[in-house]
Amino acid sequence: GAYCRFDAGSAQHLRELLAAVAVYAAGGRAALVDYGRK
């Protein structure tokens, strides 16, 4: 898997990382491409 440190200053990155991992787990590359476009 992977490790990532975060704090209040990196909340935006955490939000996007969480969403990206979840979107890819749910729909694969096609879903991730669509998410990136949005």
All heavy atoms as atom14 arrays in JSON, in Angstrom:
{
  "sequence": "GAYCRFDAGSAQHLRELLAAVAVYAAGGRAALVDYGRK",
  "atom14_mask": [
    [1, 1, 1, 1, 0, 0, 0, 0, 0, 0, 0, 0, 0, 0],
    [1, 1, 1, 1, 1, 0, 0, 0, 0, 0, 0, 0, 0, 0],
    [1, 1, 1, 1, 1, 1, 1, 1, 1, 1, 1, 1, 0, 0],
    [1, 1, 1, 1, 1, 1, 0, 0, 0, 0, 0, 0, 0, 0],
    [1, 1, 1, 1, 1, 1, 1, 1, 1, 1, 1, 0, 0, 0],
    [1, 1, 1, 1, 1, 1, 1, 1, 1, 1, 1, 0, 0, 0],
    [1, 1, 1, 1, 1, 1, 1, 1, 0, 0, 0, 0, 0, 0],
    [1, 1, 1, 1, 1, 0, 0, 0, 0, 0, 0, 0, 0, 0],
    [1, 1, 1, 1, 0, 0, 0, 0, 0, 0, 0, 0, 0, 0],
    [1, 1, 1, 1, 1, 1, 0, 0, 0, 0, 0, 0, 0, 0],
    [1, 1, 1, 1, 1, 0, 0, 0, 0, 0, 0, 0, 0, 0],
    [1, 1, 1, 1, 1, 1, 1, 1, 1, 0, 0, 0, 0, 0],
    [1, 1, 1, 1, 1, 1, 1, 1, 1, 1, 0, 0, 0, 0],
    [1, 1, 1, 1, 1, 1, 1, 1, 0, 0, 0, 0, 0, 0],
    [1, 1, 1, 1, 1, 1, 1, 1, 1, 1, 1, 0, 0, 0],
    [1, 1, 1, 1, 1, 1, 1, 1, 1, 0, 0, 0, 0, 0],
    [1, 1, 1, 1, 1, 1, 1, 1, 0, 0, 0, 0, 0, 0],
    [1, 1, 1, 1, 1, 1, 1, 1, 0, 0, 0, 0, 0, 0],
    [1, 1, 1, 1, 1, 0, 0, 0, 0, 0, 0, 0, 0, 0],
    [1, 1, 1, 1, 1, 0, 0, 0, 0, 0, 0, 0, 0, 0],
    [1, 1, 1, 1, 1, 1, 1, 0, 0, 0, 0, 0, 0, 0],
    [1, 1, 1, 1, 1, 0, 0, 0, 0, 0, 0, 0, 0, 0],
    [1, 1, 1, 1, 1, 1, 1, 0, 0, 0, 0, 0, 0, 0],
    [1, 1, 1, 1, 1, 1, 1, 1, 1, 1, 1, 1, 0, 0],
    [1, 1, 1, 1, 1, 0, 0, 0, 0, 0, 0, 0, 0, 0],
    [1, 1, 1, 1, 1, 0, 0, 0, 0, 0, 0, 0, 0, 0],
    [1, 1, 1, 1, 0, 0, 0, 0, 0, 0, 0, 0, 0, 0],
    [1, 1, 1, 1, 0, 0, 0, 0, 0, 0, 0, 0, 0, 0],
    [1, 1, 1, 1, 1, 1, 1, 1, 1, 1, 1, 0, 0, 0],
    [1, 1, 1, 1, 1, 0, 0, 0, 0, 0, 0, 0, 0, 0],
    [1, 1, 1, 1, 1, 0, 0, 0, 0, 0, 0, 0, 0, 0],
    [1, 1, 1, 1, 1, 1, 1, 1, 0, 0, 0, 0, 0, 0],
    [1, 1, 1, 1, 1, 1, 1, 0, 0, 0, 0, 0, 0, 0],
    [1, 1, 1, 1, 1, 1, 1, 1, 0, 0, 0, 0, 0, 0],
    [1, 1, 1, 1, 1, 1, 1, 1, 1, 1, 1, 1, 0, 0],
    [1, 1, 1, 1, 0, 0, 0, 0, 0, 0, 0, 0, 0, 0],
    [1, 1, 1, 1, 1, 1, 1, 1, 1, 1, 1, 0, 0, 0],
    [1, 1, 1, 1, 1, 1, 1, 1, 1, 0, 0, 0, 0, 0]
  ],
  "atom14_positions": [
    [[0.82, -1.2, 0.0], [0.0, 0.0, 0.0], [0.86, 1.25, 0.0], [1.88, 1.3, -0.68], [0.0, 0.0, 0.0], [0.0, 0.0, 0.0], [0.0, 0.0, 0.0], [0.0, 0.0, 0.0], [0.0, 0.0, 0.0], [0.0, 0.0, 0.0], [0.0, 0.0, 0.0], [0.0, 0.0, 0.0], [0.0, 0.0, 0.0], [0.0, 0.0, 0.0]],
    [[0.46, 2.25, 0.77], [1.2, 3.52, 0.79], [0.96, 4.25, 2.1], [-0.02, 4.02, 2.79], [0.78, 4.39, -0.39], [0.0, 0.0, 0.0], [0.0, 0.0, 0.0], [0.0, 0.0, 0.0], [0.0, 0.0, 0.0], [0.0, 0.0, 0.0], [0.0, 0.0, 0.0], [0.0, 0.0, 0.0], [0.0, 0.0, 0.0], [0.0, 0.0, 0.0]],
    [[1.92, 5.13, 2.43], [1.87, 5.95, 3.65], [1.9, 7.42, 3.26], [2.61, 7.83, 2.34], [3.08, 5.62, 4.52], [3.35, 6.62, 5.63], [2.83, 6.43, 6.9], [4.14, 7.75, 5.4], [3.07, 7.35, 7.91], [4.39, 8.66, 6.41], [3.85, 8.46, 7.66], [4.09, 9.36, 8.66], [0.0, 0.0, 0.0], [0.0, 0.0, 0.0]],
    [[1.12, 8.22, 3.97], [1.14, 9.66, 3.74], [0.87, 10.39, 5.05], [-0.07, 10.07, 5.76], [0.1, 10.07, 2.7], [0.21, 11.8, 2.19], [0.0, 0.0, 0.0], [0.0, 0.0, 0.0], [0.0, 0.0, 0.0], [0.0, 0.0, 0.0], [0.0, 0.0, 0.0], [0.0, 0.0, 0.0], [0.0, 0.0, 0.0], [0.0, 0.0, 0.0]],
    [[1.71, 11.38, 5.36], [1.51, 12.22, 6.55], [0.68, 13.44, 6.17], [0.79, 13.96, 5.06], [2.86, 12.68, 7.1], [2.75, 13.49, 8.38], [4.05, 14.25, 8.65], [5.17, 13.34, 8.78], [5.44, 12.64, 9.88], [4.64, 12.73, 10.92], [6.5, 11.86, 9.94], [0.0, 0.0, 0.0], [0.0, 0.0, 0.0], [0.0, 0.0, 0.0]],
    [[-0.14, 13.89, 7.09], [-0.9, 15.11, 6.84], [-1.1, 15.88, 8.13], [-0.95, 15.36, 9.23], [-2.26, 14.78, 6.21], [-3.27, 14.19, 7.17], [-4.22, 14.98, 7.79], [-3.26, 12.82, 7.45], [-5.15, 14.44, 8.68], [-4.19, 12.27, 8.32], [-5.13, 13.08, 8.94], [0.0, 0.0, 0.0], [0.0, 0.0, 0.0], [0.0, 0.0, 0.0]],
    [[-1.41, 17.16, 7.98], [-1.83, 18.0, 9.09], [-2.81, 19.02, 8.55], [-3.27, 18.89, 7.42], [-0.62, 18.67, 9.79], [0.17, 19.57, 8.85], [-0.34, 19.91, 7.75], [1.3, 19.94, 9.2], [0.0, 0.0, 0.0], [0.0, 0.0, 0.0], [0.0, 0.0, 0.0], [0.0, 0.0, 0.0], [0.0, 0.0, 0.0], [0.0, 0.0, 0.0]],
    [[-3.16, 20.0, 9.36], [-4.17, 20.98, 8.93], [-3.77, 21.69, 7.65], [-4.61, 22.07, 6.84], [-4.42, 21.99, 10.05], [0.0, 0.0, 0.0], [0.0, 0.0, 0.0], [0.0, 0.0, 0.0], [0.0, 0.0, 0.0], [0.0, 0.0, 0.0], [0.0, 0.0, 0.0], [0.0, 0.0, 0.0], [0.0, 0.0, 0.0], [0.0, 0.0, 0.0]],
    [[-2.46, 21.86, 7.45], [-1.99, 22.57, 6.27], [-2.09, 21.77, 4.99], [-1.98, 22.33, 3.9], [0.0, 0.0, 0.0], [0.0, 0.0, 0.0], [0.0, 0.0, 0.0], [0.0, 0.0, 0.0], [0.0, 0.0, 0.0], [0.0, 0.0, 0.0], [0.0, 0.0, 0.0], [0.0, 0.0, 0.0], [0.0, 0.0, 0.0], [0.0, 0.0, 0.0]],
    [[-2.27, 20.46, 5.09], [-2.36, 19.62, 3.89], [-3.73, 18.99, 3.75], [-3.88, 17.95, 3.11], [-1.27, 18.54, 3.92], [-1.34, 17.78, 5.11], [0.0, 0.0, 0.0], [0.0, 0.0, 0.0], [0.0, 0.0, 0.0], [0.0, 0.0, 0.0], [0.0, 0.0, 0.0], [0.0, 0.0, 0.0], [0.0, 0.0, 0.0], [0.0, 0.0, 0.0]],
    [[-4.73, 19.61, 4.33], [-6.08, 19.05, 4.3], [-6.62, 18.89, 2.88], [-7.27, 17.91, 2.56], [-7.03, 19.92, 5.12], [0.0, 0.0, 0.0], [0.0, 0.0, 0.0], [0.0, 0.0, 0.0], [0.0, 0.0, 0.0], [0.0, 0.0, 0.0], [0.0, 0.0, 0.0], [0.0, 0.0, 0.0], [0.0, 0.0, 0.0], [0.0, 0.0, 0.0]],
    [[-6.33, 19.86, 2.02], [-6.82, 19.78, 0.65], [-6.21, 18.59, -0.09], [-6.92, 17.87, -0.81], [-6.49, 21.07, -0.11], [-6.94, 21.08, -1.57], [-8.44, 20.94, -1.72], [-9.2, 21.41, -0.88], [-8.88, 20.3, -2.8], [0.0, 0.0, 0.0], [0.0, 0.0, 0.0], [0.0, 0.0, 0.0], [0.0, 0.0, 0.0], [0.0, 0.0, 0.0]],
    [[-4.91, 18.36, 0.11], [-4.27, 17.22, -0.52], [-4.87, 15.92, 0.01], [-5.09, 14.97, -0.75], [-2.75, 17.24, -0.27], [-2.06, 18.36, -0.94], [-2.25, 18.68, -2.27], [-1.15, 19.25, -0.48], [-1.5, 19.71, -2.59], [-0.82, 20.08, -1.53], [0.0, 0.0, 0.0], [0.0, 0.0, 0.0], [0.0, 0.0, 0.0], [0.0, 0.0, 0.0]],
    [[-5.12, 15.87, 1.31], [-5.7, 14.67, 1.89], [-7.07, 14.4, 1.3], [-7.4, 13.26, 0.94], [-5.81, 14.81, 3.41], [-6.52, 13.65, 4.13], [-5.76, 12.35, 3.96], [-6.7, 13.98, 5.61], [0.0, 0.0, 0.0], [0.0, 0.0, 0.0], [0.0, 0.0, 0.0], [0.0, 0.0, 0.0], [0.0, 0.0, 0.0], [0.0, 0.0, 0.0]],
    [[-7.87, 15.44, 1.17], [-9.21, 15.3, 0.61], [-9.14, 14.67, -0.78], [-9.87, 13.74, -1.11], [-9.9, 16.66, 0.55], [-11.29, 16.62, -0.06], [-11.87, 18.01, -0.21], [-12.08, 18.64, 1.08], [-11.36, 19.67, 1.54], [-10.36, 20.17, 0.81], [-11.6, 20.19, 2.72], [0.0, 0.0, 0.0], [0.0, 0.0, 0.0], [0.0, 0.0, 0.0]],
    [[-8.25, 15.2, -1.61], [-8.15, 14.71, -2.98], [-7.55, 13.31, -3.04], [-7.96, 12.48, -3.88], [-7.33, 15.68, -3.82], [-8.01, 17.04, -4.0], [-7.23, 17.98, -4.89], [-6.13, 17.58, -5.35], [-7.7, 19.09, -5.13], [0.0, 0.0, 0.0], [0.0, 0.0, 0.0], [0.0, 0.0, 0.0], [0.0, 0.0, 0.0], [0.0, 0.0, 0.0]],
    [[-6.6, 13.02, -2.17], [-6.0, 11.69, -2.14], [-7.03, 10.64, -1.73], [-7.11, 9.56, -2.32], [-4.81, 11.66, -1.18], [-3.53, 12.34, -1.69], [-2.57, 12.6, -0.54], [-2.86, 11.49, -2.75], [0.0, 0.0, 0.0], [0.0, 0.0, 0.0], [0.0, 0.0, 0.0], [0.0, 0.0, 0.0], [0.0, 0.0, 0.0], [0.0, 0.0, 0.0]],
    [[-7.8, 10.95, -0.69], [-8.84, 10.02, -0.25], [-9.84, 9.75, -1.37], [-10.21, 8.6, -1.64], [-9.57, 10.59, 0.97], [-8.82, 10.59, 2.31], [-9.62, 11.34, 3.35], [-8.55, 9.17, 2.77], [0.0, 0.0, 0.0], [0.0, 0.0, 0.0], [0.0, 0.0, 0.0], [0.0, 0.0, 0.0], [0.0, 0.0, 0.0], [0.0, 0.0, 0.0]],
    [[-10.27, 10.81, -2.01], [-11.25, 10.65, -3.08], [-10.67, 9.88, -4.25], [-11.33, 9.02, -4.84], [-11.75, 12.02, -3.54], [0.0, 0.0, 0.0], [0.0, 0.0, 0.0], [0.0, 0.0, 0.0], [0.0, 0.0, 0.0], [0.0, 0.0, 0.0], [0.0, 0.0, 0.0], [0.0, 0.0, 0.0], [0.0, 0.0, 0.0], [0.0, 0.0, 0.0]],
    [[-9.41, 10.17, -4.62], [-8.79, 9.5, -5.75], [-8.65, 8.0, -5.51], [-8.95, 7.19, -6.39], [-7.42, 10.11, -6.04], [0.0, 0.0, 0.0], [0.0, 0.0, 0.0], [0.0, 0.0, 0.0], [0.0, 0.0, 0.0], [0.0, 0.0, 0.0], [0.0, 0.0, 0.0], [0.0, 0.0, 0.0], [0.0, 0.0, 0.0], [0.0, 0.0, 0.0]],
    [[-8.2, 7.62, -4.32], [-8.07, 6.19, -4.0], [-9.43, 5.51, -4.05], [-9.59, 4.42, -4.62], [-7.42, 5.99, -2.61], [-7.49, 4.53, -2.2], [-5.96, 6.45, -2.64], [0.0, 0.0, 0.0], [0.0, 0.0, 0.0], [0.0, 0.0, 0.0], [0.0, 0.0, 0.0], [0.0, 0.0, 0.0], [0.0, 0.0, 0.0], [0.0, 0.0, 0.0]],
    [[-10.43, 6.15, -3.47], [-11.77, 5.55, -3.43], [-12.39, 5.46, -4.82], [-13.0, 4.45, -5.18], [-12.67, 6.36, -2.51], [0.0, 0.0, 0.0], [0.0, 0.0, 0.0], [0.0, 0.0, 0.0], [0.0, 0.0, 0.0], [0.0, 0.0, 0.0], [0.0, 0.0, 0.0], [0.0, 0.0, 0.0], [0.0, 0.0, 0.0], [0.0, 0.0, 0.0]],
    [[-12.23, 6.5, -5.63], [-12.79, 6.5, -6.98], [-12.14, 5.41, -7.82], [-12.82, 4.68, -8.56], [-12.62, 7.88, -7.64], [-12.9, 7.82, -9.14], [-13.54, 8.9, -6.98], [0.0, 0.0, 0.0], [0.0, 0.0, 0.0], [0.0, 0.0, 0.0], [0.0, 0.0, 0.0], [0.0, 0.0, 0.0], [0.0, 0.0, 0.0], [0.0, 0.0, 0.0]],
    [[-10.84, 5.26, -7.71], [-10.15, 4.23, -8.47], [-10.55, 2.84, -8.01], [-10.76, 1.93, -8.83], [-8.64, 4.42, -8.35], [-7.84, 3.48, -9.23], [-8.18, 3.29, -10.56], [-6.74, 2.8, -8.72], [-7.45, 2.44, -11.38], [-6.01, 1.94, -9.53], [-6.36, 1.77, -10.86], [-5.64, 0.92, -11.65], [0.0, 0.0, 0.0], [0.0, 0.0, 0.0]],
    [[-10.69, 2.66, -6.71], [-11.11, 1.37, -6.18], [-12.51, 1.01, -6.68], [-12.81, -0.16, -6.93], [-11.1, 1.38, -4.65], [0.0, 0.0, 0.0], [0.0, 0.0, 0.0], [0.0, 0.0, 0.0], [0.0, 0.0, 0.0], [0.0, 0.0, 0.0], [0.0, 0.0, 0.0], [0.0, 0.0, 0.0], [0.0, 0.0, 0.0], [0.0, 0.0, 0.0]],
    [[-13.35, 2.01, -6.85], [-14.73, 1.76, -7.27], [-14.86, 1.55, -8.76], [-15.57, 0.65, -9.21], [-15.62, 2.93, -6.84], [0.0, 0.0, 0.0], [0.0, 0.0, 0.0], [0.0, 0.0, 0.0], [0.0, 0.0, 0.0], [0.0, 0.0, 0.0], [0.0, 0.0, 0.0], [0.0, 0.0, 0.0], [0.0, 0.0, 0.0], [0.0, 0.0, 0.0]],
    [[-14.2, 2.37, -9.56], [-14.46, 2.34, -10.99], [-13.29, 2.15, -11.9], [-13.44, 2.21, -13.12], [0.0, 0.0, 0.0], [0.0, 0.0, 0.0], [0.0, 0.0, 0.0], [0.0, 0.0, 0.0], [0.0, 0.0, 0.0], [0.0, 0.0, 0.0], [0.0, 0.0, 0.0], [0.0, 0.0, 0.0], [0.0, 0.0, 0.0], [0.0, 0.0, 0.0]],
    [[-12.09, 1.98, -11.34], [-10.92, 1.78, -12.18], [-10.48, 3.05, -12.89], [-10.86, 4.17, -12.55], [0.0, 0.0, 0.0], [0.0, 0.0, 0.0], [0.0, 0.0, 0.0], [0.0, 0.0, 0.0], [0.0, 0.0, 0.0], [0.0, 0.0, 0.0], [0.0, 0.0, 0.0], [0.0, 0.0, 0.0], [0.0, 0.0, 0.0], [0.0, 0.0, 0.0]],
    [[-9.69, 2.89, -13.95], [-9.07, 4.01, -14.62], [-10.09, 4.96, -15.25], [-9.94, 6.18, -15.18], [-8.11, 3.5, -15.7], [-7.3, 4.6, -16.37], [-6.42, 4.04, -17.47], [-5.64, 5.1, -18.07], [-4.44, 5.49, -17.68], [-3.9, 4.89, -16.63], [-3.8, 6.46, -18.28], [0.0, 0.0, 0.0], [0.0, 0.0, 0.0], [0.0, 0.0, 0.0]],
    [[-11.13, 4.41, -15.86], [-12.12, 5.26, -16.53], [-12.76, 6.23, -15.54], [-12.95, 7.41, -15.83], [-13.18, 4.4, -17.19], [0.0, 0.0, 0.0], [0.0, 0.0, 0.0], [0.0, 0.0, 0.0], [0.0, 0.0, 0.0], [0.0, 0.0, 0.0], [0.0, 0.0, 0.0], [0.0, 0.0, 0.0], [0.0, 0.0, 0.0], [0.0, 0.0, 0.0]],
    [[-13.11, 5.72, -14.36], [-13.72, 6.58, -13.35], [-12.74, 7.64, -12.87], [-13.11, 8.78, -12.6], [-14.21, 5.74, -12.17], [0.0, 0.0, 0.0], [0.0, 0.0, 0.0], [0.0, 0.0, 0.0], [0.0, 0.0, 0.0], [0.0, 0.0, 0.0], [0.0, 0.0, 0.0], [0.0, 0.0, 0.0], [0.0, 0.0, 0.0], [0.0, 0.0, 0.0]],
    [[-11.47, 7.27, -12.76], [-10.46, 8.21, -12.3], [-10.22, 9.31, -13.33], [-10.04, 10.47, -12.98], [-9.16, 7.46, -11.99], [-8.12, 8.22, -11.19], [-8.69, 8.65, -9.84], [-6.88, 7.36, -10.98], [0.0, 0.0, 0.0], [0.0, 0.0, 0.0], [0.0, 0.0, 0.0], [0.0, 0.0, 0.0], [0.0, 0.0, 0.0], [0.0, 0.0, 0.0]],
    [[-10.24, 8.94, -14.62], [-10.11, 9.94, -15.68], [-11.24, 10.95, -15.59], [-11.03, 12.17, -15.67], [-10.1, 9.26, -17.06], [-10.25, 10.3, -18.17], [-8.81, 8.46, -17.25], [0.0, 0.0, 0.0], [0.0, 0.0, 0.0], [0.0, 0.0, 0.0], [0.0, 0.0, 0.0], [0.0, 0.0, 0.0], [0.0, 0.0, 0.0], [0.0, 0.0, 0.0]],
    [[-12.45, 10.46, -15.43], [-13.62, 11.33, -15.33], [-13.53, 12.23, -14.11], [-13.84, 13.43, -14.18], [-14.88, 10.49, -15.28], [-16.14, 11.34, -15.3], [-16.33, 12.1, -16.27], [-16.94, 11.26, -14.34], [0.0, 0.0, 0.0], [0.0, 0.0, 0.0], [0.0, 0.0, 0.0], [0.0, 0.0, 0.0], [0.0, 0.0, 0.0], [0.0, 0.0, 0.0]],
    [[-13.07, 11.67, -12.99], [-12.91, 12.45, -11.77], [-11.88, 13.55, -11.97], [-12.07, 14.69, -11.53], [-12.49, 11.53, -10.64], [-12.21, 12.23, -9.33], [-13.22, 12.9, -8.64], [-10.93, 12.22, -8.78], [-12.95, 13.54, -7.44], [-10.65, 12.86, -7.58], [-11.67, 13.51, -6.92], [-11.4, 14.15, -5.74], [0.0, 0.0, 0.0], [0.0, 0.0, 0.0]],
    [[-10.79, 13.24, -12.67], [-9.77, 14.25, -12.95], [-10.29, 15.38, -13.8], [-9.95, 16.55, -13.59], [0.0, 0.0, 0.0], [0.0, 0.0, 0.0], [0.0, 0.0, 0.0], [0.0, 0.0, 0.0], [0.0, 0.0, 0.0], [0.0, 0.0, 0.0], [0.0, 0.0, 0.0], [0.0, 0.0, 0.0], [0.0, 0.0, 0.0], [0.0, 0.0, 0.0]],
    [[-11.15, 15.06, -14.75], [-11.73, 16.11, -15.61], [-12.62, 17.06, -14.83], [-12.8, 18.21, -15.2], [-12.55, 15.46, -16.72], [-11.71, 14.75, -17.78], [-12.59, 13.95, -18.71], [-11.81, 13.26, -19.73], [-12.27, 12.24, -20.44], [-13.53, 11.82, -20.25], [-11.51, 11.66, -21.35], [0.0, 0.0, 0.0], [0.0, 0.0, 0.0], [0.0, 0.0, 0.0]],
    [[-13.19, 16.55, -13.75], [-14.09, 17.37, -12.92], [-13.33, 18.2, -11.89], [-13.94, 18.87, -11.07], [-15.11, 16.48, -12.22], [-16.08, 15.8, -13.18], [-17.03, 14.88, -12.43], [-18.0, 14.21, -13.39], [-18.9, 13.26, -12.66], [0.0, 0.0, 0.0], [0.0, 0.0, 0.0], [0.0, 0.0, 0.0], [0.0, 0.0, 0.0], [0.0, 0.0, 0.0]]
  ]
}
